[in-house]
Amino acid sequence: MRCPSCGSESCHIIEESETRQKGYGVCSGICGYLILGPIGFLCGLCGMGEGKTTRRAFWICQSCGRKFRV
């Protein structure tokens, strides 16, 4: 793989991952309140903390440090 910036062939592939956390679910809390009363308002906490992880692969040039995708 050649770097599009400097033309060097000393490039390596890396993988980055990002996790996004979910917060309090207002809709779940309101539905829980309507069905179970004040205690049901805490039902919005049921989905809290679950996240989605995204992974991306990039090339990094060892000469100039540019990060690029193919």
C-alpha atoms as a PDB file:
ATOM      1  CA  MET A   1       0.000   0.000   0.000  1.00  0.00           C
ATOM      2  CA  ARG A   2       1.338   3.441  -0.940  1.00  0.00           C
ATOM      3  CA  CYS A   3       0.608   6.613   0.989  1.00  0.00           C
ATOM      4  CA  PRO A   4      -1.432   9.066  -1.139  1.00  0.00           C
ATOM      5  CA  SER A   5       0.368  11.984   0.507  1.00  0.00           C
ATOM      6  CA  CYS A   6       4.097  11.132   0.375  1.00  0.00           C
ATOM      7  CA  GLY A   7       4.164   7.952  -1.760  1.00  0.00           C
ATOM      8  CA  SER A   8       5.924   5.863   0.893  1.00  0.00           C
ATOM      9  CA  GLU A   9       5.281   2.124   1.015  1.00  0.00           C
ATOM     10  CA  SER A  10       5.784   1.831   4.779  1.00  0.00           C
ATOM     11  CA  CYS A  11       2.092   1.826   5.719  1.00  0.00           C
ATOM     12  CA  HIS A  12       0.362  -0.325   8.328  1.00  0.00           C
ATOM     13  CA  ILE A  13      -3.293  -1.047   8.952  1.00  0.00           C
ATOM     14  CA  ILE A  14      -4.908  -0.374  12.336  1.00  0.00           C
ATOM     15  CA  GLU A  15      -8.428  -0.793  13.705  1.00  0.00           C
ATOM     16  CA  GLU A  16     -10.233   1.761  15.883  1.00  0.00           C
ATOM     17  CA  SER A  17     -13.341   1.020  17.902  1.00  0.00           C
ATOM     18  CA  GLU A  18     -15.804   3.440  19.471  1.00  0.00           C
ATOM     19  CA  THR A  19     -18.539   2.586  21.974  1.00  0.00           C
ATOM     20  CA  ARG A  20     -21.536   4.836  22.504  1.00  0.00           C
ATOM     21  CA  GLN A  21     -23.457   4.486  25.768  1.00  0.00           C
ATOM     22  CA  LYS A  22     -27.211   4.906  25.984  1.00  0.00           C
ATOM     23  CA  GLY A  23     -28.673   7.136  28.658  1.00  0.00           C
ATOM     24  CA  TYR A  24     -32.015   7.217  30.462  1.00  0.00           C
ATOM     25  CA  GLY A  25     -34.906   6.164  28.212  1.00  0.00           C
ATOM     26  CA  VAL A  26     -37.569   8.866  28.633  1.00  0.00           C
ATOM     27  CA  CYS A  27     -40.172   6.932  26.611  1.00  0.00           C
ATOM     28  CA  SER A  28     -39.629   3.805  28.726  1.00  0.00           C
ATOM     29  CA  GLY A  29     -39.927   5.896  31.884  1.00  0.00           C
ATOM     30  CA  ILE A  30     -43.199   7.528  30.800  1.00  0.00           C
ATOM     31  CA  CYS A  31     -44.730   4.203  29.720  1.00  0.00           C
ATOM     32  CA  GLY A  32     -43.626   2.629  32.981  1.00  0.00           C
ATOM     33  CA  TYR A  33     -45.174   5.519  34.928  1.00  0.00           C
ATOM     34  CA  LEU A  34     -48.507   5.118  33.126  1.00  0.00           C
ATOM     35  CA  ILE A  35     -48.599   1.364  33.735  1.00  0.00           C
ATOM     36  CA  LEU A  36     -46.996   0.973  37.177  1.00  0.00           C
ATOM     37  CA  GLY A  37     -47.125   4.445  38.707  1.00  0.00           C
ATOM     38  CA  PRO A  38     -44.123   6.250  40.222  1.00  0.00           C
ATOM     39  CA  ILE A  39     -42.083   3.065  40.546  1.00  0.00           C
ATOM     40  CA  GLY A  40     -42.573   2.422  36.835  1.00  0.00           C
ATOM     41  CA  PHE A  41     -40.833   5.716  36.088  1.00  0.00           C
ATOM     42  CA  LEU A  42     -37.618   3.911  36.995  1.00  0.00           C
ATOM     43  CA  CYS A  43     -38.204   1.501  34.101  1.00  0.00           C
ATOM     44  CA  GLY A  44     -36.372   4.003  31.931  1.00  0.00           C
ATOM     45  CA  LEU A  45     -33.198   2.806  33.612  1.00  0.00           C
ATOM     46  CA  CYS A  46     -33.637  -0.726  32.211  1.00  0.00           C
ATOM     47  CA  GLY A  47     -31.877  -0.005  28.909  1.00  0.00           C
ATOM     48  CA  MET A  48     -29.290   2.327  30.377  1.00  0.00           C
ATOM     49  CA  GLY A  49     -25.662   1.429  29.861  1.00  0.00           C
ATOM     50  CA  GLU A  50     -26.113  -0.731  26.788  1.00  0.00           C
ATOM     51  CA  GLY A  51     -24.010   0.566  23.964  1.00  0.00           C
ATOM     52  CA  LYS A  52     -23.197   0.163  20.321  1.00  0.00           C
ATOM     53  CA  THR A  53     -19.630  -0.498  19.214  1.00  0.00           C
ATOM     54  CA  THR A  54     -18.407   0.671  15.815  1.00  0.00           C
ATOM     55  CA  ARG A  55     -15.137  -0.520  14.320  1.00  0.00           C
ATOM     56  CA  ARG A  56     -13.195   1.094  11.488  1.00  0.00           C
ATOM     57  CA  ALA A  57      -9.976   0.065   9.748  1.00  0.00           C
ATOM     58  CA  PHE A  58      -7.434   2.688   8.634  1.00  0.00           C
ATOM     59  CA  TRP A  59      -4.001   2.733   7.046  1.00  0.00           C
ATOM     60  CA  ILE A  60      -1.286   4.809   8.737  1.00  0.00           C
ATOM     61  CA  CYS A  61       1.841   5.948   6.951  1.00  0.00           C
ATOM     62  CA  GLN A  62       4.971   5.417   9.064  1.00  0.00           C
ATOM     63  CA  SER A  63       6.831   8.172   7.200  1.00  0.00           C
ATOM     64  CA  CYS A  64       4.453  11.150   7.318  1.00  0.00           C
ATOM     65  CA  GLY A  65       1.840   9.934   9.848  1.00  0.00           C
ATOM     66  CA  ARG A  66      -1.171  10.406   7.559  1.00  0.00           C
ATOM     67  CA  LYS A  67      -4.216   8.257   8.330  1.00  0.00           C
ATOM     68  CA  PHE A  68      -6.304   7.172   5.318  1.00  0.00           C
ATOM     69  CA  ARG A  69      -8.864   4.617   4.198  1.00  0.00           C
ATOM     70  CA  VAL A  70      -8.817   2.592   1.008  1.00  0.00           C
END
